[in-house]
Amino acid sequence: MKLFLVRHGESDETDQITAKGREESAKNALALKQFHPEITTVYHSTKMRAKETAEIFHEVLCHHTPLVEKEGIKPIDAPEPIADELSSFTKSIMVVSHLPFLEKLTSLLLHGNAVNLPFTFEGSSVVILEKNNHSWQLIGMVSSHCFDMQKVL
């Protein structure tokens, strides 16, 4: 099972993503598409900037799958409830959310605590984790500034 964690695109004071945010989201979605990810569901937070970003990734990557507004994944929400939920998934999912939530969720999944933040998510970037048995590992990243994605998808 793969988990695609996406930070929303650059946004303005109205909580909508900017033209730059749309462009970076589309660019990163297209870069990710070349690896044929099998995403079965896309979750996004209740904030407009996450919804708009999710719609771009959804359209490019998996328009035939559910696009779901999800409570509990806003900037200051605790990562433990969604981490528990994700542990029961067997199919790949995308979560479009915010900082610091995504950093804390990533740290919790990789290190077992939500304090040791491994890196910073740029706008529209994607961090890819994979669950093997009961542990998670970082397998790739897509960013507008550099494409570090491993060809493991």
N, C-alpha and C. Protein backbone atom coordinates (compact mmCIF):
# COMPACT_ATOMS: atom_id res chain seq x y z
N MET A 1 0.84 -1.17 0.00
CA MET A 1 0.00 0.00 0.00
C MET A 1 0.89 1.24 0.00
N LYS A 2 0.60 2.15 -0.92
CA LYS A 2 1.34 3.40 -0.99
C LYS A 2 0.46 4.54 -0.49
N LEU A 3 1.10 5.50 0.13
CA LEU A 3 0.44 6.69 0.65
C LEU A 3 1.09 7.90 0.01
N PHE A 4 0.29 8.69 -0.70
CA PHE A 4 0.76 9.89 -1.37
C PHE A 4 0.30 11.09 -0.55
N LEU A 5 1.24 11.76 0.09
CA LEU A 5 0.94 12.91 0.93
C LEU A 5 1.26 14.18 0.15
N VAL A 6 0.26 15.03 -0.05
CA VAL A 6 0.40 16.21 -0.89
C VAL A 6 0.12 17.46 -0.06
N ARG A 7 1.03 18.41 -0.13
CA ARG A 7 0.77 19.72 0.48
C ARG A 7 0.05 20.57 -0.56
N HIS A 8 -0.95 21.30 -0.12
CA HIS A 8 -1.71 22.15 -1.04
C HIS A 8 -0.80 23.12 -1.77
N GLY A 9 -1.28 23.58 -2.91
CA GLY A 9 -0.53 24.56 -3.69
C GLY A 9 -0.53 25.93 -3.04
N GLU A 10 0.36 26.79 -3.52
CA GLU A 10 0.44 28.16 -3.01
C GLU A 10 -0.94 28.79 -3.05
N SER A 11 -1.30 29.49 -1.96
CA SER A 11 -2.64 30.08 -1.89
C SER A 11 -2.57 31.57 -1.59
N ASP A 12 -3.70 32.22 -1.79
CA ASP A 12 -3.79 33.66 -1.52
C ASP A 12 -4.61 33.90 -0.26
N GLU A 13 -4.88 35.15 0.02
CA GLU A 13 -5.61 35.52 1.25
C GLU A 13 -7.07 35.07 1.25
N THR A 14 -7.60 34.64 0.10
CA THR A 14 -8.98 34.15 0.04
C THR A 14 -9.05 32.64 0.21
N ASP A 15 -7.91 31.99 0.47
CA ASP A 15 -7.81 30.54 0.68
C ASP A 15 -7.93 29.76 -0.62
N GLN A 16 -7.76 30.43 -1.76
CA GLN A 16 -7.77 29.73 -3.04
C GLN A 16 -6.33 29.64 -3.54
N ILE A 17 -6.04 28.58 -4.32
CA ILE A 17 -4.68 28.48 -4.81
C ILE A 17 -4.45 29.47 -5.94
N THR A 18 -3.24 29.96 -6.00
CA THR A 18 -2.86 30.95 -6.99
C THR A 18 -2.58 30.27 -8.33
N ALA A 19 -2.35 31.08 -9.35
CA ALA A 19 -1.97 30.52 -10.66
C ALA A 19 -0.68 29.71 -10.53
N LYS A 20 0.26 30.21 -9.75
CA LYS A 20 1.51 29.47 -9.51
C LYS A 20 1.21 28.14 -8.82
N GLY A 21 0.32 28.16 -7.83
CA GLY A 21 -0.05 26.93 -7.13
C GLY A 21 -0.71 25.92 -8.06
N ARG A 22 -1.55 26.39 -8.96
CA ARG A 22 -2.18 25.50 -9.95
C ARG A 22 -1.14 24.91 -10.89
N GLU A 23 -0.24 25.75 -11.36
CA GLU A 23 0.79 25.30 -12.29
C GLU A 23 1.70 24.25 -11.63
N GLU A 24 2.15 24.52 -10.41
CA GLU A 24 3.02 23.57 -9.71
C GLU A 24 2.29 22.26 -9.41
N SER A 25 1.03 22.35 -9.03
CA SER A 25 0.25 21.14 -8.77
C SER A 25 0.11 20.30 -10.03
N ALA A 26 -0.21 20.94 -11.13
CA ALA A 26 -0.35 20.21 -12.40
C ALA A 26 0.98 19.60 -12.83
N LYS A 27 2.06 20.35 -12.68
CA LYS A 27 3.39 19.86 -13.05
C LYS A 27 3.76 18.63 -12.21
N ASN A 28 3.51 18.69 -10.91
CA ASN A 28 3.85 17.57 -10.03
C ASN A 28 2.95 16.37 -10.28
N ALA A 29 1.68 16.62 -10.57
CA ALA A 29 0.77 15.52 -10.89
C ALA A 29 1.21 14.82 -12.18
N LEU A 30 1.60 15.58 -13.17
CA LEU A 30 2.08 14.99 -14.43
C LEU A 30 3.38 14.21 -14.23
N ALA A 31 4.27 14.72 -13.38
CA ALA A 31 5.50 14.00 -13.08
C ALA A 31 5.19 12.68 -12.38
N LEU A 32 4.25 12.71 -11.47
CA LEU A 32 3.86 11.50 -10.75
C LEU A 32 3.16 10.50 -11.68
N LYS A 33 2.42 11.01 -12.63
CA LYS A 33 1.65 10.16 -13.54
C LYS A 33 2.52 9.19 -14.32
N GLN A 34 3.75 9.59 -14.65
CA GLN A 34 4.62 8.71 -15.43
C GLN A 34 4.94 7.40 -14.72
N PHE A 35 4.70 7.34 -13.40
CA PHE A 35 4.96 6.12 -12.63
C PHE A 35 3.70 5.30 -12.42
N HIS A 36 2.60 5.71 -13.03
CA HIS A 36 1.33 4.99 -13.01
C HIS A 36 0.88 4.60 -11.59
N PRO A 37 0.75 5.58 -10.73
CA PRO A 37 0.30 5.24 -9.37
C PRO A 37 -1.14 4.76 -9.38
N GLU A 38 -1.42 3.75 -8.61
CA GLU A 38 -2.78 3.21 -8.52
C GLU A 38 -3.45 3.77 -7.28
N ILE A 39 -3.95 4.97 -7.39
CA ILE A 39 -4.59 5.66 -6.26
C ILE A 39 -6.08 5.32 -6.27
N THR A 40 -6.58 4.83 -5.16
CA THR A 40 -7.97 4.39 -5.09
C THR A 40 -8.91 5.44 -4.49
N THR A 41 -8.34 6.38 -3.73
CA THR A 41 -9.15 7.44 -3.11
C THR A 41 -8.26 8.65 -2.90
N VAL A 42 -8.85 9.85 -3.02
CA VAL A 42 -8.14 11.08 -2.71
C VAL A 42 -8.91 11.79 -1.60
N TYR A 43 -8.25 11.94 -0.45
CA TYR A 43 -8.79 12.72 0.66
C TYR A 43 -8.25 14.14 0.56
N HIS A 44 -9.08 15.11 0.92
CA HIS A 44 -8.60 16.49 1.06
C HIS A 44 -9.27 17.11 2.27
N SER A 45 -8.60 18.09 2.86
CA SER A 45 -9.16 18.75 4.03
C SER A 45 -10.34 19.62 3.62
N THR A 46 -10.98 20.20 4.59
CA THR A 46 -12.15 21.04 4.34
C THR A 46 -11.77 22.44 3.86
N LYS A 47 -10.51 22.76 3.83
CA LYS A 47 -10.07 24.09 3.39
C LYS A 47 -10.02 24.14 1.85
N MET A 48 -10.41 25.28 1.29
CA MET A 48 -10.52 25.45 -0.15
C MET A 48 -9.21 25.17 -0.87
N ARG A 49 -8.08 25.63 -0.34
CA ARG A 49 -6.79 25.44 -1.01
C ARG A 49 -6.43 23.96 -1.16
N ALA A 50 -6.81 23.15 -0.18
CA ALA A 50 -6.56 21.71 -0.28
C ALA A 50 -7.51 21.07 -1.29
N LYS A 51 -8.76 21.50 -1.28
CA LYS A 51 -9.74 20.96 -2.23
C LYS A 51 -9.32 21.24 -3.66
N GLU A 52 -8.93 22.48 -3.94
CA GLU A 52 -8.53 22.84 -5.30
C GLU A 52 -7.29 22.08 -5.75
N THR A 53 -6.33 21.91 -4.85
CA THR A 53 -5.14 21.13 -5.17
C THR A 53 -5.52 19.67 -5.44
N ALA A 54 -6.36 19.12 -4.58
CA ALA A 54 -6.80 17.73 -4.75
C ALA A 54 -7.50 17.54 -6.08
N GLU A 55 -8.31 18.49 -6.49
CA GLU A 55 -9.02 18.38 -7.77
C GLU A 55 -8.05 18.28 -8.95
N ILE A 56 -6.95 19.02 -8.87
CA ILE A 56 -5.95 18.97 -9.95
C ILE A 56 -5.30 17.60 -10.00
N PHE A 57 -4.82 17.11 -8.86
CA PHE A 57 -4.19 15.79 -8.83
C PHE A 57 -5.19 14.71 -9.24
N HIS A 58 -6.41 14.83 -8.76
CA HIS A 58 -7.46 13.86 -9.06
C HIS A 58 -7.71 13.79 -10.57
N GLU A 59 -7.83 14.93 -11.20
CA GLU A 59 -8.11 14.98 -12.64
C GLU A 59 -6.98 14.36 -13.45
N VAL A 60 -5.75 14.64 -13.07
CA VAL A 60 -4.60 14.13 -13.82
C VAL A 60 -4.34 12.65 -13.56
N LEU A 61 -4.50 12.21 -12.32
CA LEU A 61 -4.05 10.88 -11.93
C LEU A 61 -5.13 9.81 -11.81
N CYS A 62 -6.30 10.20 -11.34
CA CYS A 62 -7.25 9.14 -10.96
C CYS A 62 -8.69 9.66 -10.94
N HIS A 63 -9.11 10.31 -12.00
CA HIS A 63 -10.43 10.95 -12.05
C HIS A 63 -11.59 9.98 -11.86
N HIS A 64 -11.34 8.70 -11.98
CA HIS A 64 -12.39 7.69 -11.83
C HIS A 64 -12.56 7.23 -10.38
N THR A 65 -11.71 7.72 -9.47
CA THR A 65 -11.77 7.30 -8.07
C THR A 65 -12.47 8.36 -7.22
N PRO A 66 -12.88 8.01 -6.01
CA PRO A 66 -13.55 9.00 -5.15
C PRO A 66 -12.64 10.15 -4.72
N LEU A 67 -13.20 11.34 -4.69
CA LEU A 67 -12.58 12.54 -4.16
C LEU A 67 -13.37 12.88 -2.91
N VAL A 68 -12.74 12.78 -1.73
CA VAL A 68 -13.47 12.82 -0.47
C VAL A 68 -12.98 13.96 0.43
N GLU A 69 -13.90 14.83 0.84
CA GLU A 69 -13.57 15.83 1.84
C GLU A 69 -13.49 15.13 3.19
N LYS A 70 -12.37 15.32 3.89
CA LYS A 70 -12.09 14.56 5.11
C LYS A 70 -11.86 15.50 6.29
N GLU A 71 -12.59 15.28 7.35
CA GLU A 71 -12.34 15.99 8.61
C GLU A 71 -11.10 15.41 9.26
N GLY A 72 -10.44 16.20 10.09
CA GLY A 72 -9.33 15.70 10.88
C GLY A 72 -7.97 15.78 10.21
N ILE A 73 -7.87 16.49 9.08
CA ILE A 73 -6.57 16.62 8.41
C ILE A 73 -6.24 18.09 8.09
N LYS A 74 -6.76 18.98 8.93
CA LYS A 74 -6.46 20.41 8.80
C LYS A 74 -5.11 20.72 9.46
N PRO A 75 -4.60 21.95 9.31
CA PRO A 75 -3.24 22.27 9.76
C PRO A 75 -2.88 21.85 11.18
N ILE A 76 -3.74 22.10 12.14
CA ILE A 76 -3.36 21.81 13.53
C ILE A 76 -4.04 20.56 14.11
N ASP A 77 -4.65 19.76 13.26
CA ASP A 77 -5.26 18.52 13.74
C ASP A 77 -4.18 17.52 14.16
N ALA A 78 -4.52 16.69 15.10
CA ALA A 78 -3.61 15.64 15.56
C ALA A 78 -3.51 14.56 14.48
N PRO A 79 -2.31 14.05 14.21
CA PRO A 79 -2.14 13.06 13.14
C PRO A 79 -2.52 11.63 13.54
N GLU A 80 -2.64 11.35 14.83
CA GLU A 80 -2.87 9.97 15.28
C GLU A 80 -4.15 9.33 14.73
N PRO A 81 -5.29 10.03 14.72
CA PRO A 81 -6.50 9.38 14.19
C PRO A 81 -6.39 8.95 12.73
N ILE A 82 -5.84 9.79 11.87
CA ILE A 82 -5.73 9.40 10.47
C ILE A 82 -4.65 8.34 10.30
N ALA A 83 -3.60 8.39 11.10
CA ALA A 83 -2.56 7.35 11.04
C ALA A 83 -3.17 5.99 11.39
N ASP A 84 -4.02 5.97 12.41
CA ASP A 84 -4.70 4.72 12.78
C ASP A 84 -5.59 4.23 11.64
N GLU A 85 -6.32 5.15 11.03
CA GLU A 85 -7.20 4.79 9.91
C GLU A 85 -6.39 4.24 8.74
N LEU A 86 -5.29 4.90 8.41
CA LEU A 86 -4.46 4.48 7.28
C LEU A 86 -3.83 3.10 7.50
N SER A 87 -3.60 2.74 8.75
CA SER A 87 -2.96 1.45 9.03
C SER A 87 -3.83 0.27 8.60
N SER A 88 -5.13 0.51 8.46
CA SER A 88 -6.02 -0.58 8.05
C SER A 88 -6.23 -0.64 6.53
N PHE A 89 -5.73 0.34 5.79
CA PHE A 89 -5.90 0.37 4.34
C PHE A 89 -4.99 -0.65 3.67
N THR A 90 -5.47 -1.23 2.60
CA THR A 90 -4.64 -2.16 1.81
C THR A 90 -4.40 -1.63 0.40
N LYS A 91 -5.12 -0.58 0.03
CA LYS A 91 -4.96 0.01 -1.31
C LYS A 91 -4.44 1.44 -1.18
N SER A 92 -3.77 1.91 -2.21
CA SER A 92 -3.10 3.21 -2.17
C SER A 92 -4.09 4.36 -2.11
N ILE A 93 -3.68 5.40 -1.39
CA ILE A 93 -4.53 6.56 -1.15
C ILE A 93 -3.68 7.83 -1.21
N MET A 94 -4.31 8.94 -1.57
CA MET A 94 -3.67 10.25 -1.56
C MET A 94 -4.36 11.11 -0.51
N VAL A 95 -3.57 11.86 0.25
CA VAL A 95 -4.09 12.78 1.26
C VAL A 95 -3.53 14.17 0.94
N VAL A 96 -4.41 15.12 0.66
CA VAL A 96 -4.01 16.49 0.35
C VAL A 96 -4.34 17.34 1.58
N SER A 97 -3.30 17.93 2.17
CA SER A 97 -3.49 18.62 3.44
C SER A 97 -2.53 19.79 3.57
N HIS A 98 -2.08 20.06 4.80
CA HIS A 98 -1.39 21.29 5.16
C HIS A 98 -0.23 21.02 6.10
N LEU A 99 0.57 22.06 6.29
CA LEU A 99 1.57 22.06 7.36
C LEU A 99 0.93 22.69 8.59
N PRO A 100 1.27 22.30 9.78
CA PRO A 100 2.27 21.29 10.10
C PRO A 100 1.73 19.85 10.11
N PHE A 101 0.45 19.68 9.80
CA PHE A 101 -0.16 18.36 9.88
C PHE A 101 0.61 17.31 9.08
N LEU A 102 0.95 17.60 7.83
CA LEU A 102 1.62 16.60 6.99
C LEU A 102 2.99 16.21 7.54
N GLU A 103 3.73 17.19 8.06
CA GLU A 103 5.03 16.87 8.65
C GLU A 103 4.86 15.97 9.86
N LYS A 104 3.88 16.27 10.69
CA LYS A 104 3.66 15.46 11.88
C LYS A 104 3.18 14.05 11.52
N LEU A 105 2.30 13.94 10.54
CA LEU A 105 1.83 12.62 10.10
C LEU A 105 2.98 11.80 9.54
N THR A 106 3.79 12.41 8.70
CA THR A 106 4.94 11.72 8.12
C THR A 106 5.89 11.23 9.21
N SER A 107 6.19 12.11 10.15
CA SER A 107 7.07 11.74 11.25
C SER A 107 6.48 10.60 12.08
N LEU A 108 5.20 10.69 12.36
CA LEU A 108 4.53 9.64 13.14
C LEU A 108 4.62 8.30 12.43
N LEU A 109 4.36 8.28 11.14
CA LEU A 109 4.38 7.03 10.39
C LEU A 109 5.80 6.46 10.26
N LEU A 110 6.78 7.33 10.02
CA LEU A 110 8.14 6.87 9.81
C LEU A 110 8.91 6.60 11.10
N HIS A 111 8.67 7.45 12.12
CA HIS A 111 9.49 7.40 13.35
C HIS A 111 8.72 7.02 14.61
N GLY A 112 7.40 6.95 14.52
CA GLY A 112 6.62 6.57 15.69
C GLY A 112 6.27 7.72 16.61
N ASN A 113 6.66 8.95 16.24
CA ASN A 113 6.26 10.12 17.02
C ASN A 113 6.03 11.29 16.08
N ALA A 114 5.26 12.24 16.54
CA ALA A 114 4.90 13.38 15.69
C ALA A 114 5.77 14.60 15.98
N VAL A 115 6.93 14.38 16.58
CA VAL A 115 7.81 15.48 16.94
C VAL A 115 9.02 15.58 16.04
N ASN A 116 9.56 14.46 15.66
CA ASN A 116 10.79 14.41 14.86
C ASN A 116 10.47 14.61 13.38
N LEU A 117 10.33 15.85 12.95
CA LEU A 117 9.95 16.14 11.57
C LEU A 117 11.12 15.87 10.63
N PRO A 118 10.94 14.97 9.65
CA PRO A 118 12.05 14.56 8.80
C PRO A 118 12.45 15.59 7.73
N PHE A 119 11.52 16.44 7.28
CA PHE A 119 11.80 17.41 6.23
C PHE A 119 10.60 18.33 6.11
N THR A 120 10.72 19.33 5.26
CA THR A 120 9.63 20.28 5.04
C THR A 120 8.99 20.02 3.68
N PHE A 121 7.68 20.06 3.64
CA PHE A 121 6.94 19.93 2.39
C PHE A 121 6.87 21.30 1.72
N GLU A 122 7.24 21.36 0.45
CA GLU A 122 7.03 22.57 -0.33
C GLU A 122 5.59 22.56 -0.84
N GLY A 123 5.10 23.72 -1.29
CA GLY A 123 3.76 23.78 -1.87
C GLY A 123 3.64 22.85 -3.06
N SER A 124 2.55 22.11 -3.12
CA SER A 124 2.22 21.16 -4.19
C SER A 124 3.11 19.92 -4.24
N SER A 125 4.02 19.78 -3.28
CA SER A 125 4.92 18.62 -3.32
C SER A 125 4.21 17.36 -2.85
N VAL A 126 4.77 16.22 -3.24
CA VAL A 126 4.21 14.91 -2.91
C VAL A 126 5.30 14.09 -2.23
N VAL A 127 4.97 13.54 -1.08
CA VAL A 127 5.85 12.58 -0.41
C VAL A 127 5.17 11.23 -0.50
N ILE A 128 5.94 10.22 -0.91
CA ILE A 128 5.35 8.89 -1.11
C ILE A 128 5.92 7.93 -0.07
N LEU A 129 5.02 7.34 0.70
CA LEU A 129 5.39 6.33 1.69
C LEU A 129 4.79 5.01 1.26
N GLU A 130 5.41 3.93 1.69
CA GLU A 130 4.88 2.60 1.41
C GLU A 130 4.85 1.81 2.71
N LYS A 131 3.76 1.07 2.90
CA LYS A 131 3.63 0.23 4.08
C LYS A 131 3.95 -1.20 3.69
N ASN A 132 4.91 -1.77 4.38
CA ASN A 132 5.27 -3.18 4.23
C ASN A 132 5.08 -3.83 5.59
N ASN A 133 4.21 -4.81 5.63
CA ASN A 133 3.83 -5.42 6.89
C ASN A 133 3.27 -4.34 7.82
N HIS A 134 3.99 -3.99 8.87
CA HIS A 134 3.47 -3.00 9.81
C HIS A 134 4.32 -1.74 9.88
N SER A 135 5.27 -1.58 8.98
CA SER A 135 6.11 -0.39 9.04
C SER A 135 6.04 0.39 7.72
N TRP A 136 6.30 1.68 7.83
CA TRP A 136 6.27 2.59 6.69
C TRP A 136 7.69 2.96 6.31
N GLN A 137 7.89 3.19 5.02
CA GLN A 137 9.18 3.71 4.57
C GLN A 137 8.95 4.77 3.50
N LEU A 138 9.87 5.72 3.44
CA LEU A 138 9.85 6.76 2.43
C LEU A 138 10.40 6.17 1.14
N ILE A 139 9.62 6.26 0.06
CA ILE A 139 10.09 5.69 -1.21
C ILE A 139 10.26 6.71 -2.33
N GLY A 140 9.78 7.94 -2.12
CA GLY A 140 9.96 8.93 -3.16
C GLY A 140 9.36 10.27 -2.82
N MET A 141 9.69 11.24 -3.66
CA MET A 141 9.17 12.59 -3.47
C MET A 141 9.12 13.29 -4.82
N VAL A 142 8.08 14.06 -5.03
CA VAL A 142 7.96 14.89 -6.23
C VAL A 142 7.82 16.33 -5.76
N SER A 143 8.65 17.19 -6.32
CA SER A 143 8.64 18.60 -5.96
C SER A 143 8.84 19.42 -7.22
N SER A 144 8.25 20.59 -7.27
CA SER A 144 8.41 21.48 -8.43
C SER A 144 9.85 21.94 -8.61
N HIS A 145 10.59 21.97 -7.52
CA HIS A 145 11.95 22.50 -7.58
C HIS A 145 12.99 21.45 -7.96
N CYS A 146 12.69 20.21 -7.70
CA CYS A 146 13.60 19.14 -8.11
C CYS A 146 12.81 17.83 -8.08
N PHE A 147 13.10 16.98 -9.00
CA PHE A 147 12.41 15.70 -9.04
C PHE A 147 13.35 14.63 -8.50
N ASP A 148 13.09 14.21 -7.25
CA ASP A 148 13.91 13.22 -6.57
C ASP A 148 13.23 11.85 -6.56
N MET A 149 12.19 11.71 -7.31
CA MET A 149 11.40 10.51 -7.19
C MET A 149 12.15 9.27 -7.65
N GLN A 150 12.16 8.28 -6.80
CA GLN A 150 12.77 7.01 -7.16
C GLN A 150 11.81 6.27 -8.07
N LYS A 151 12.33 5.44 -8.94
CA LYS A 151 11.48 4.69 -9.85
C LYS A 151 11.08 3.37 -9.18
N VAL A 152 10.33 3.48 -8.10
CA VAL A 152 9.91 2.29 -7.37
C VAL A 152 8.41 2.11 -7.42
N LEU A 153 7.71 3.02 -8.05
CA LEU A 153 6.26 2.91 -8.11
C LEU A 153 5.90 1.90 -9.15
